[in-house]
Amino acid sequence: MDSDQVIKEILARFPISGEQVRVIPVKTGLIHTSYKVIERQGKSYLLQKINTSVFRDVEALMGNIAHVTTILKDAFQSSPYESLELLKTNDGQLFYEHEFKAWRIYHFKEHLVGYDAPENKEMVVEAGKAFAQFAKTLSQTDPEQLSVTLPDFHSLQKRYQQFKLALKNTPVKLSEIDPLPEQIAGFTQLLLPLEYAMDSGEIPIRITHNDSKFNNLLFDQTNKARCVVDLDTVMPGIIHFDVGDCLRTLTPSTPEDEPNLGKIELREDFHYAFLEGYIENESGWLTEEEIKFIPFSAPYMALIMGIRFLTDYLQGNIYYSCDHPEHNLVRAKCQIEVTRQFLEQFPLNSDLT
């Protein structure tokens, strides 16, 4: 928790009446420290202290966000969709540095609300529509205009290499994690063609969100998705990263750390509802090859998360926060099981056209 004096000093650097505000800690998200700032006249803002251990190049991070939100705001002027909007500092900067910490402010969208999980299938369709609209709107912009703030973030090859290195050097007994290494090796070979297609140019690089979970959407009072939020990972990528991350978190009937693998089931209606929303207004902006590779999306992203959780477990739980020492192992087993079920229930050669 930051002191009142520090927050007062930060707010003084932005066009906010700092003497007439309420500041409320916001306990959402795992990366940044966040506060809701409410002015006396009713305007609200989201103040965030950026985690520079994760995002080391704050200039690049904020440049990406500013570029994308400007494009979206202009495009959505006659649309029901909305974009996040940054509040610049008094001297026109995107963030303020104070004692080696970086701070930023967004306008708070009081009229919209977020959910941790969908309440019905219609909201899943809305999620598909919103993430598709986000990607489609940005599809006319050269992705090279954005910085790669997290290199190899969704590279299965890179994550598998990191896993093998951790496996070689871990003090953990391999009997504790069997049969995960063998499963991971097999699934990796099945799913690498998606990354190969990206690397070869067979599927195009676009501007993508890269953390497209359901709770990164805001809905209006009629449960229509209106705004994509948490833009920290916006950078060049492929649409399959976004489709896959949403499907791997929406489709399973259990949380991503379900310890009883027998309870995990994939909700077929949610799976197809999301794809219905994503593809229904496709109207030519996706290539045939992109559509062909969509069945790879969910198992690819589930596998990457399983590998990351298991790698962290082998390294002593140094990255992800854990509720208990075996938490990352539980998460890994869950995501590998989710990968298996996606591959079994939704074959990679499925025709979505």
Protein backbone atom coordinates (compact mmCIF):
# COMPACT_ATOMS: atom_id res chain seq x y z
CA MET A 1 0.00 0.00 0.00
CA ASP A 2 1.38 3.39 -0.98
CA SER A 3 1.22 6.27 1.48
CA ASP A 4 -1.35 9.05 1.17
CA GLN A 5 1.51 11.50 0.64
CA VAL A 6 2.92 9.51 -2.28
CA ILE A 7 -0.48 9.25 -3.96
CA LYS A 8 -1.09 12.96 -3.40
CA GLU A 9 2.25 13.72 -5.05
CA ILE A 10 1.36 11.49 -8.04
CA LEU A 11 -2.09 12.98 -8.51
CA ALA A 12 -0.62 16.49 -8.47
CA ARG A 13 1.16 15.60 -11.72
CA PHE A 14 -2.13 14.93 -13.50
CA PRO A 15 -5.07 17.27 -14.25
CA ILE A 16 -7.00 16.07 -11.19
CA SER A 17 -8.10 18.21 -8.24
CA GLY A 18 -5.92 16.30 -5.78
CA GLU A 19 -7.22 18.06 -2.68
CA GLN A 20 -10.77 16.92 -3.37
CA VAL A 21 -10.54 13.23 -4.06
CA ARG A 22 -11.19 9.85 -2.49
CA VAL A 23 -8.68 7.10 -3.18
CA ILE A 24 -9.81 3.47 -2.89
CA PRO A 25 -7.50 0.46 -3.38
CA VAL A 26 -8.70 -1.82 -6.18
CA LYS A 27 -8.05 -5.51 -5.48
CA THR A 28 -8.18 -6.75 -9.04
CA GLY A 29 -5.39 -7.97 -11.27
CA LEU A 30 -2.13 -9.55 -10.18
CA ILE A 31 0.46 -7.37 -11.90
CA HIS A 32 0.00 -3.70 -11.01
CA THR A 33 -1.01 -1.81 -7.86
CA SER A 34 -4.31 -0.08 -8.61
CA TYR A 35 -6.49 2.61 -7.02
CA LYS A 36 -9.83 4.13 -7.92
CA VAL A 37 -9.66 7.90 -7.67
CA ILE A 38 -12.95 9.80 -7.29
CA GLU A 39 -13.10 13.58 -7.63
CA ARG A 40 -15.60 15.56 -5.59
CA GLN A 41 -17.57 16.48 -8.74
CA GLY A 42 -17.97 12.78 -9.51
CA LYS A 43 -15.34 12.01 -12.14
CA SER A 44 -13.50 8.73 -11.55
CA TYR A 45 -10.10 7.45 -12.65
CA LEU A 46 -7.99 4.31 -12.37
CA LEU A 47 -4.54 5.08 -10.97
CA GLN A 48 -1.94 2.35 -11.45
CA LYS A 49 1.64 1.84 -10.33
CA ILE A 50 3.15 -0.14 -13.18
CA ASN A 51 5.02 -3.33 -12.30
CA THR A 52 8.38 -2.59 -13.90
CA SER A 53 9.72 -6.01 -12.94
CA VAL A 54 7.37 -7.47 -15.56
CA PHE A 55 7.25 -4.52 -17.97
CA ARG A 56 10.78 -3.18 -17.98
CA ASP A 57 10.39 -0.88 -20.99
CA VAL A 58 7.63 1.44 -19.78
CA GLU A 59 8.08 3.78 -22.75
CA ALA A 60 7.34 0.92 -25.15
CA LEU A 61 4.45 -0.37 -23.02
CA MET A 62 2.73 2.99 -22.82
CA GLY A 63 3.50 3.82 -26.43
CA ASN A 64 1.70 0.65 -27.53
CA ILE A 65 -1.33 1.43 -25.36
CA ALA A 66 -1.53 5.05 -26.52
CA HIS A 67 -1.27 4.05 -30.17
CA VAL A 68 -3.94 1.36 -29.93
CA THR A 69 -6.41 3.38 -27.83
CA THR A 70 -6.14 6.31 -30.26
CA ILE A 71 -7.01 4.05 -33.21
CA LEU A 72 -9.88 2.39 -31.34
CA LYS A 73 -11.35 5.66 -30.06
CA ASP A 74 -11.43 7.12 -33.58
CA ALA A 75 -12.89 3.93 -35.06
CA PHE A 76 -15.59 3.54 -32.41
CA GLN A 77 -17.04 7.06 -32.61
CA SER A 78 -20.18 5.78 -34.35
CA SER A 79 -20.09 2.34 -32.76
CA PRO A 80 -21.47 0.88 -29.52
CA TYR A 81 -17.95 -0.29 -28.70
CA GLU A 82 -15.63 1.81 -26.58
CA SER A 83 -11.91 2.11 -25.93
CA LEU A 84 -9.93 2.74 -22.79
CA GLU A 85 -8.65 6.30 -22.54
CA LEU A 86 -5.45 7.44 -20.87
CA LEU A 87 -5.23 10.66 -18.87
CA LYS A 88 -1.95 12.36 -19.73
CA THR A 89 0.16 14.19 -17.16
CA ASN A 90 0.07 17.96 -16.83
CA ASP A 91 2.98 18.21 -19.26
CA GLY A 92 1.45 15.80 -21.79
CA GLN A 93 3.29 12.60 -20.89
CA LEU A 94 1.73 9.12 -20.89
CA PHE A 95 3.01 8.29 -17.41
CA TYR A 96 4.84 9.88 -14.48
CA GLU A 97 7.99 8.57 -12.85
CA HIS A 98 8.36 9.03 -9.10
CA GLU A 99 11.22 7.53 -7.09
CA PHE A 100 11.98 4.98 -9.84
CA LYS A 101 8.30 3.95 -10.05
CA ALA A 102 6.05 4.55 -13.06
CA TRP A 103 2.45 5.68 -12.65
CA ARG A 104 -0.40 6.06 -15.15
CA ILE A 105 -4.08 6.98 -15.08
CA TYR A 106 -7.07 5.78 -17.11
CA HIS A 107 -10.52 7.32 -17.19
CA PHE A 108 -12.77 5.00 -15.17
CA LYS A 109 -15.80 3.62 -17.03
CA GLU A 110 -18.49 3.82 -14.34
CA HIS A 111 -21.29 2.81 -16.71
CA LEU A 112 -19.68 -0.55 -17.55
CA VAL A 113 -18.97 -3.61 -15.41
CA GLY A 114 -16.67 -6.61 -15.61
CA TYR A 115 -17.33 -10.25 -14.71
CA ASP A 116 -15.01 -13.05 -13.69
CA ALA A 117 -17.12 -15.58 -15.60
CA PRO A 118 -20.06 -15.47 -18.03
CA GLU A 119 -23.56 -15.80 -16.63
CA ASN A 120 -24.96 -17.39 -19.78
CA LYS A 121 -24.14 -18.45 -23.34
CA GLU A 122 -25.21 -15.09 -24.75
CA MET A 123 -22.41 -13.38 -22.85
CA VAL A 124 -19.95 -15.86 -24.36
CA VAL A 125 -21.15 -14.88 -27.86
CA GLU A 126 -20.65 -11.25 -26.85
CA ALA A 127 -17.09 -12.02 -25.78
CA GLY A 128 -16.37 -13.48 -29.20
CA LYS A 129 -17.83 -10.44 -30.93
CA ALA A 130 -15.90 -7.97 -28.79
CA PHE A 131 -12.50 -9.60 -29.19
CA ALA A 132 -13.12 -10.01 -32.93
CA GLN A 133 -14.09 -6.35 -33.25
CA PHE A 134 -10.95 -5.37 -31.35
CA ALA A 135 -8.70 -7.36 -33.69
CA LYS A 136 -10.62 -6.42 -36.84
CA THR A 137 -10.42 -2.70 -36.04
CA LEU A 138 -6.67 -2.93 -35.56
CA SER A 139 -6.14 -5.18 -38.58
CA GLN A 140 -5.59 -2.20 -40.90
CA THR A 141 -2.66 -0.99 -38.79
CA ASP A 142 0.86 -2.25 -39.46
CA PRO A 143 1.80 -4.38 -36.42
CA GLU A 144 5.39 -3.23 -36.78
CA GLN A 145 4.23 0.14 -35.46
CA LEU A 146 4.01 -1.53 -32.03
CA SER A 147 6.89 -2.68 -29.86
CA VAL A 148 7.31 -6.29 -28.78
CA THR A 149 7.23 -5.70 -25.03
CA LEU A 150 7.32 -9.38 -24.04
CA PRO A 151 9.46 -11.31 -26.55
CA ASP A 152 8.39 -14.91 -27.26
CA PHE A 153 5.46 -14.49 -24.88
CA HIS A 154 3.38 -17.16 -26.65
CA SER A 155 6.16 -19.12 -28.31
CA LEU A 156 5.59 -22.82 -27.70
CA GLN A 157 9.13 -23.58 -28.88
CA LYS A 158 10.61 -21.15 -26.36
CA ARG A 159 8.40 -22.33 -23.49
CA TYR A 160 9.26 -25.97 -24.23
CA GLN A 161 12.98 -25.18 -24.24
CA GLN A 162 12.62 -23.42 -20.87
CA PHE A 163 10.74 -26.43 -19.52
CA LYS A 164 13.42 -28.89 -20.65
CA LEU A 165 16.13 -26.77 -19.03
CA ALA A 166 14.16 -26.58 -15.78
CA LEU A 167 13.56 -30.34 -15.93
CA LYS A 168 17.29 -30.92 -16.27
CA ASN A 169 18.22 -28.73 -13.30
CA THR A 170 15.34 -29.20 -10.87
CA PRO A 171 15.70 -30.81 -7.42
CA VAL A 172 12.14 -32.13 -7.82
CA LYS A 173 11.90 -35.90 -8.19
CA LEU A 174 10.66 -36.72 -11.67
CA SER A 175 8.32 -39.35 -10.21
CA GLU A 176 6.34 -36.45 -8.71
CA ILE A 177 5.46 -35.06 -12.12
CA ASP A 178 4.99 -38.20 -14.24
CA PRO A 179 3.42 -38.54 -16.79
CA LEU A 180 3.45 -34.80 -17.55
CA PRO A 181 6.81 -34.59 -19.39
CA GLU A 182 5.80 -37.30 -21.85
CA GLN A 183 2.37 -35.73 -22.38
CA ILE A 184 3.90 -32.29 -22.92
CA ALA A 185 6.39 -33.64 -25.47
CA GLY A 186 3.63 -35.32 -27.46
CA PHE A 187 1.23 -32.39 -27.38
CA THR A 188 4.03 -29.98 -28.34
CA GLN A 189 4.74 -31.91 -31.53
CA LEU A 190 1.04 -31.89 -32.41
CA LEU A 191 0.61 -28.16 -31.87
CA LEU A 192 3.87 -26.68 -33.15
CA PRO A 193 2.48 -26.39 -36.72
CA LEU A 194 0.60 -23.29 -35.53
CA GLU A 195 3.84 -21.56 -34.59
CA TYR A 196 5.53 -22.80 -37.73
CA ALA A 197 2.71 -21.27 -39.78
CA MET A 198 3.22 -17.97 -38.00
CA ASP A 199 7.00 -18.02 -38.46
CA SER A 200 6.72 -18.86 -42.17
CA GLY A 201 4.16 -16.14 -42.86
CA GLU A 202 1.46 -18.65 -43.75
CA ILE A 203 -0.77 -16.88 -41.24
CA PRO A 204 -0.37 -13.10 -40.84
CA ILE A 205 0.99 -11.17 -37.90
CA ARG A 206 -1.60 -8.74 -36.55
CA ILE A 207 -2.00 -6.51 -33.51
CA THR A 208 -3.41 -8.79 -30.82
CA HIS A 209 -4.41 -8.48 -27.17
CA ASN A 210 -2.45 -11.53 -25.94
CA ASP A 211 -4.31 -11.83 -22.61
CA SER A 212 -7.88 -12.19 -23.83
CA LYS A 213 -9.63 -13.62 -20.81
CA PHE A 214 -13.32 -13.03 -20.15
CA ASN A 215 -12.57 -10.75 -17.20
CA ASN A 216 -10.75 -8.40 -19.57
CA LEU A 217 -14.08 -7.29 -21.01
CA LEU A 218 -16.52 -4.67 -19.75
CA PHE A 219 -20.29 -5.04 -20.31
CA ASP A 220 -23.15 -2.58 -20.33
CA GLN A 221 -26.43 -2.94 -18.40
CA THR A 222 -27.90 -5.14 -21.14
CA ASN A 223 -24.94 -7.57 -20.92
CA LYS A 224 -23.50 -6.45 -24.24
CA ALA A 225 -19.70 -6.46 -24.33
CA ARG A 226 -18.53 -2.91 -24.98
CA CYS A 227 -14.87 -2.51 -24.07
CA VAL A 228 -11.69 -4.61 -24.10
CA VAL A 229 -9.43 -3.72 -21.16
CA ASP A 230 -5.99 -4.61 -19.72
CA LEU A 231 -4.00 -3.61 -22.79
CA ASP A 232 -0.55 -4.17 -21.30
CA THR A 233 0.18 -7.14 -23.56
CA VAL A 234 -1.06 -5.58 -26.80
CA MET A 235 1.66 -6.18 -29.39
CA PRO A 236 2.24 -8.09 -32.64
CA GLY A 237 0.88 -11.64 -32.60
CA ILE A 238 -1.65 -13.92 -34.27
CA ILE A 239 -5.39 -14.04 -33.64
CA HIS A 240 -5.06 -17.61 -32.41
CA PHE A 241 -3.39 -16.37 -29.21
CA ASP A 242 -6.52 -14.37 -28.37
CA VAL A 243 -9.04 -16.97 -29.52
CA GLY A 244 -7.15 -19.70 -27.66
CA ASP A 245 -6.72 -17.86 -24.37
CA CYS A 246 -10.41 -17.02 -24.21
CA LEU A 247 -11.50 -20.55 -25.15
CA ARG A 248 -9.16 -22.24 -22.64
CA THR A 249 -10.59 -20.12 -19.81
CA LEU A 250 -14.24 -20.05 -20.94
CA THR A 251 -14.84 -23.60 -22.11
CA PRO A 252 -13.74 -25.68 -19.07
CA SER A 253 -16.40 -26.06 -16.39
CA THR A 254 -13.80 -25.70 -13.62
CA PRO A 255 -11.12 -23.16 -12.63
CA GLU A 256 -7.61 -23.46 -14.07
CA ASP A 257 -6.38 -24.93 -10.78
CA GLU A 258 -8.97 -27.70 -10.34
CA PRO A 259 -7.18 -30.48 -8.39
CA ASN A 260 -9.67 -33.21 -9.33
CA LEU A 261 -9.02 -33.86 -13.00
CA GLY A 262 -12.14 -36.02 -13.18
CA LYS A 263 -14.28 -32.92 -12.67
CA ILE A 264 -12.91 -31.10 -15.72
CA GLU A 265 -15.33 -30.97 -18.63
CA LEU A 266 -15.33 -28.80 -21.73
CA ARG A 267 -18.63 -27.03 -22.35
CA GLU A 268 -19.24 -27.57 -26.03
CA ASP A 269 -21.99 -24.94 -26.13
CA PHE A 270 -19.63 -22.26 -24.74
CA HIS A 271 -16.89 -23.29 -27.18
CA TYR A 272 -19.09 -22.88 -30.22
CA ALA A 273 -20.82 -19.79 -28.81
CA PHE A 274 -17.50 -17.95 -28.61
CA LEU A 275 -16.51 -19.00 -32.13
CA GLU A 276 -19.96 -18.00 -33.38
CA GLY A 277 -19.43 -14.51 -32.02
CA TYR A 278 -15.86 -14.26 -33.25
CA ILE A 279 -16.45 -15.49 -36.79
CA GLU A 280 -20.02 -14.34 -37.51
CA ASN A 281 -18.96 -10.85 -38.69
CA GLU A 282 -15.76 -12.14 -40.26
CA SER A 283 -16.57 -10.53 -43.64
CA GLY A 284 -13.21 -11.21 -45.23
CA TRP A 285 -10.75 -9.76 -42.73
CA LEU A 286 -9.52 -13.22 -41.71
CA THR A 287 -7.59 -15.31 -44.22
CA GLU A 288 -8.51 -18.89 -45.08
CA GLU A 289 -5.33 -20.08 -43.38
CA GLU A 290 -6.18 -18.22 -40.17
CA ILE A 291 -9.59 -19.89 -40.06
CA LYS A 292 -8.06 -23.29 -40.85
CA PHE A 293 -5.74 -23.03 -37.83
CA ILE A 294 -8.38 -21.86 -35.32
CA PRO A 295 -8.85 -25.42 -33.92
CA PHE A 296 -5.20 -25.25 -32.79
CA SER A 297 -5.87 -22.11 -30.71
CA ALA A 298 -7.31 -23.46 -27.45
CA PRO A 299 -5.08 -26.52 -26.97
CA TYR A 300 -2.03 -24.45 -27.98
CA MET A 301 -2.69 -21.83 -25.30
CA ALA A 302 -3.69 -24.40 -22.66
CA LEU A 303 -0.47 -26.30 -23.33
CA ILE A 304 1.64 -23.15 -23.05
CA MET A 305 0.06 -22.35 -19.68
CA GLY A 306 0.55 -25.92 -18.49
CA ILE A 307 4.22 -25.78 -19.46
CA ARG A 308 4.67 -22.40 -17.76
CA PHE A 309 3.06 -23.58 -14.52
CA LEU A 310 5.12 -26.77 -14.46
CA THR A 311 8.34 -24.91 -15.29
CA ASP A 312 7.70 -22.53 -12.42
CA TYR A 313 7.06 -25.47 -10.09
CA LEU A 314 10.34 -27.09 -11.11
CA GLN A 315 12.15 -23.80 -10.46
CA GLY A 316 10.71 -23.37 -6.98
CA ASN A 317 7.58 -21.27 -7.64
CA ILE A 318 9.47 -18.07 -8.42
CA TYR A 319 7.03 -16.41 -10.85
CA TYR A 320 3.40 -17.20 -10.09
CA SER A 321 1.96 -16.52 -6.66
CA CYS A 322 0.82 -19.75 -5.00
CA ASP A 323 -1.61 -20.65 -2.23
CA HIS A 324 0.43 -23.75 -1.33
CA PRO A 325 3.71 -25.39 -2.48
CA GLU A 326 1.96 -27.75 -4.94
CA HIS A 327 -0.26 -25.06 -6.47
CA ASN A 328 1.70 -24.71 -9.71
CA LEU A 329 1.82 -28.48 -10.11
CA VAL A 330 -1.96 -28.64 -9.69
CA ARG A 331 -2.35 -25.86 -12.26
CA ALA A 332 -0.05 -27.64 -14.68
CA LYS A 333 -1.91 -30.96 -14.41
CA CYS A 334 -5.20 -29.14 -14.95
CA GLN A 335 -4.02 -27.31 -18.08
CA ILE A 336 -2.46 -30.42 -19.59
CA GLU A 337 -5.75 -32.26 -19.04
CA VAL A 338 -7.59 -29.34 -20.66
CA THR A 339 -5.18 -29.60 -23.60
CA ARG A 340 -5.91 -33.33 -23.92
CA GLN A 341 -9.67 -32.78 -23.86
CA PHE A 342 -9.55 -30.00 -26.45
CA LEU A 343 -7.56 -32.22 -28.81
CA GLU A 344 -9.97 -35.12 -28.26
CA GLN A 345 -13.23 -33.18 -28.40
CA PHE A 346 -12.38 -30.61 -31.08
CA PRO A 347 -10.00 -32.23 -33.62
CA LEU A 348 -7.32 -30.07 -35.21
CA ASN A 349 -8.74 -30.76 -38.67
CA SER A 350 -12.22 -29.49 -37.75
CA ASP A 351 -13.86 -27.41 -40.49
CA LEU A 352 -15.22 -24.11 -39.14
CA THR A 353 -16.40 -22.72 -42.49
